Amino acid sequence: MPTSKRRLNVTIPKTMDAILTRVARRDNVPTATKAAELLGLALEIEEDAAWSLLTNTRDTKKTRFVSHKKAWL
């Protein structure tokens, strides 16, 4: 049966597998579903870090601020 989701093989240590299995069982979801959910959260954290780095380079004493109204015209 074809799926719209991409499959990815990941090798994890036994300790991580045990924790992942326990958390998936706790939440009553398949292990792969829990792994995908946790990977999504990790990617959001990475994205936040990238945005933070970008804003830190732009936030200087010479920065000119634009009003919200002007920015969204």
C-alpha atoms as a PDB file:
ATOM      1  CA  MET A   1       0.000   0.000   0.000  1.00  0.00           C
ATOM      2  CA  PRO A   2       1.615   3.308  -1.043  1.00  0.00           C
ATOM      3  CA  THR A   3       1.966   6.093   1.465  1.00  0.00           C
ATOM      4  CA  SER A   4       2.350   9.832   1.115  1.00  0.00           C
ATOM      5  CA  LYS A   5       4.915   9.887   3.917  1.00  0.00           C
ATOM      6  CA  ARG A   6       8.608   9.354   3.290  1.00  0.00           C
ATOM      7  CA  ARG A   7      10.121   6.377   5.097  1.00  0.00           C
ATOM      8  CA  LEU A   8      13.406   6.824   6.896  1.00  0.00           C
ATOM      9  CA  ASN A   9      15.519   4.136   8.531  1.00  0.00           C
ATOM     10  CA  VAL A  10      17.168   5.339  11.720  1.00  0.00           C
ATOM     11  CA  THR A  11      19.429   3.317  13.982  1.00  0.00           C
ATOM     12  CA  ILE A  12      19.153   4.242  17.649  1.00  0.00           C
ATOM     13  CA  PRO A  13      20.918   2.924  20.754  1.00  0.00           C
ATOM     14  CA  LYS A  14      19.131   0.361  22.945  1.00  0.00           C
ATOM     15  CA  THR A  15      18.663   2.890  25.736  1.00  0.00           C
ATOM     16  CA  MET A  16      16.962   5.348  23.415  1.00  0.00           C
ATOM     17  CA  ASP A  17      14.804   2.564  21.985  1.00  0.00           C
ATOM     18  CA  ALA A  18      13.670   1.580  25.474  1.00  0.00           C
ATOM     19  CA  ILE A  19      12.722   5.155  26.333  1.00  0.00           C
ATOM     20  CA  LEU A  20      10.982   5.715  22.996  1.00  0.00           C
ATOM     21  CA  THR A  21       9.015   2.492  23.403  1.00  0.00           C
ATOM     22  CA  ARG A  22       7.979   3.394  26.939  1.00  0.00           C
ATOM     23  CA  VAL A  23       6.873   6.900  25.951  1.00  0.00           C
ATOM     24  CA  ALA A  24       4.944   5.593  22.938  1.00  0.00           C
ATOM     25  CA  ARG A  25       3.217   3.000  25.114  1.00  0.00           C
ATOM     26  CA  ARG A  26       2.396   5.685  27.701  1.00  0.00           C
ATOM     27  CA  ASP A  27       0.784   7.857  25.017  1.00  0.00           C
ATOM     28  CA  ASN A  28      -0.884   4.851  23.378  1.00  0.00           C
ATOM     29  CA  VAL A  29       0.611   5.520  19.935  1.00  0.00           C
ATOM     30  CA  PRO A  30       2.889   3.475  17.667  1.00  0.00           C
ATOM     31  CA  THR A  31       6.610   3.884  18.290  1.00  0.00           C
ATOM     32  CA  ALA A  32       7.169   5.294  14.785  1.00  0.00           C
ATOM     33  CA  THR A  33       4.455   7.893  15.345  1.00  0.00           C
ATOM     34  CA  LYS A  34       6.045   8.998  18.618  1.00  0.00           C
ATOM     35  CA  ALA A  35       9.488   9.116  16.961  1.00  0.00           C
ATOM     36  CA  ALA A  36       8.111  11.316  14.160  1.00  0.00           C
ATOM     37  CA  GLU A  37       6.413  13.600  16.695  1.00  0.00           C
ATOM     38  CA  LEU A  38       9.620  13.988  18.716  1.00  0.00           C
ATOM     39  CA  LEU A  39      11.638  14.608  15.549  1.00  0.00           C
ATOM     40  CA  GLY A  40       9.182  17.358  14.613  1.00  0.00           C
ATOM     41  CA  LEU A  41       9.658  18.998  18.021  1.00  0.00           C
ATOM     42  CA  ALA A  42      13.434  18.810  17.634  1.00  0.00           C
ATOM     43  CA  LEU A  43      13.209  20.489  14.226  1.00  0.00           C
ATOM     44  CA  GLU A  44      11.106  23.299  15.700  1.00  0.00           C
ATOM     45  CA  ILE A  45      13.799  23.852  18.327  1.00  0.00           C
ATOM     46  CA  GLU A  46      16.461  23.971  15.591  1.00  0.00           C
ATOM     47  CA  GLU A  47      14.364  26.460  13.618  1.00  0.00           C
ATOM     48  CA  ASP A  48      13.978  28.666  16.698  1.00  0.00           C
ATOM     49  CA  ALA A  49      17.749  28.606  17.203  1.00  0.00           C
ATOM     50  CA  ALA A  50      18.327  29.640  13.579  1.00  0.00           C
ATOM     51  CA  TRP A  51      15.858  32.555  13.859  1.00  0.00           C
ATOM     52  CA  SER A  52      17.474  33.607  17.128  1.00  0.00           C
ATOM     53  CA  LEU A  53      20.911  33.647  15.507  1.00  0.00           C
ATOM     54  CA  LEU A  54      19.586  35.736  12.610  1.00  0.00           C
ATOM     55  CA  THR A  55      17.881  38.264  14.867  1.00  0.00           C
ATOM     56  CA  ASN A  56      20.958  38.581  17.056  1.00  0.00           C
ATOM     57  CA  THR A  57      23.027  39.601  14.021  1.00  0.00           C
ATOM     58  CA  ARG A  58      20.424  42.186  12.984  1.00  0.00           C
ATOM     59  CA  ASP A  59      19.783  43.654  16.438  1.00  0.00           C
ATOM     60  CA  THR A  60      22.479  46.331  16.714  1.00  0.00           C
ATOM     61  CA  LYS A  61      22.620  49.877  18.026  1.00  0.00           C
ATOM     62  CA  LYS A  62      22.208  51.206  14.468  1.00  0.00           C
ATOM     63  CA  THR A  63      19.062  49.179  13.827  1.00  0.00           C
ATOM     64  CA  ARG A  64      16.128  51.184  12.517  1.00  0.00           C
ATOM     65  CA  PHE A  65      12.749  50.003  13.673  1.00  0.00           C
ATOM     66  CA  VAL A  66       9.693  49.943  11.423  1.00  0.00           C
ATOM     67  CA  SER A  67       6.163  50.235  12.741  1.00  0.00           C
ATOM     68  CA  HIS A  68       3.943  47.193  12.503  1.00  0.00           C
ATOM     69  CA  LYS A  69       1.574  49.089  10.227  1.00  0.00           C
ATOM     70  CA  LYS A  70       4.346  50.004   7.761  1.00  0.00           C
ATOM     71  CA  ALA A  71       5.796  46.510   7.783  1.00  0.00           C
ATOM     72  CA  TRP A  72       2.522  44.900   6.746  1.00  0.00           C
ATOM     73  CA  LEU A  73       1.417  47.325   4.024  1.00  0.00           C
END
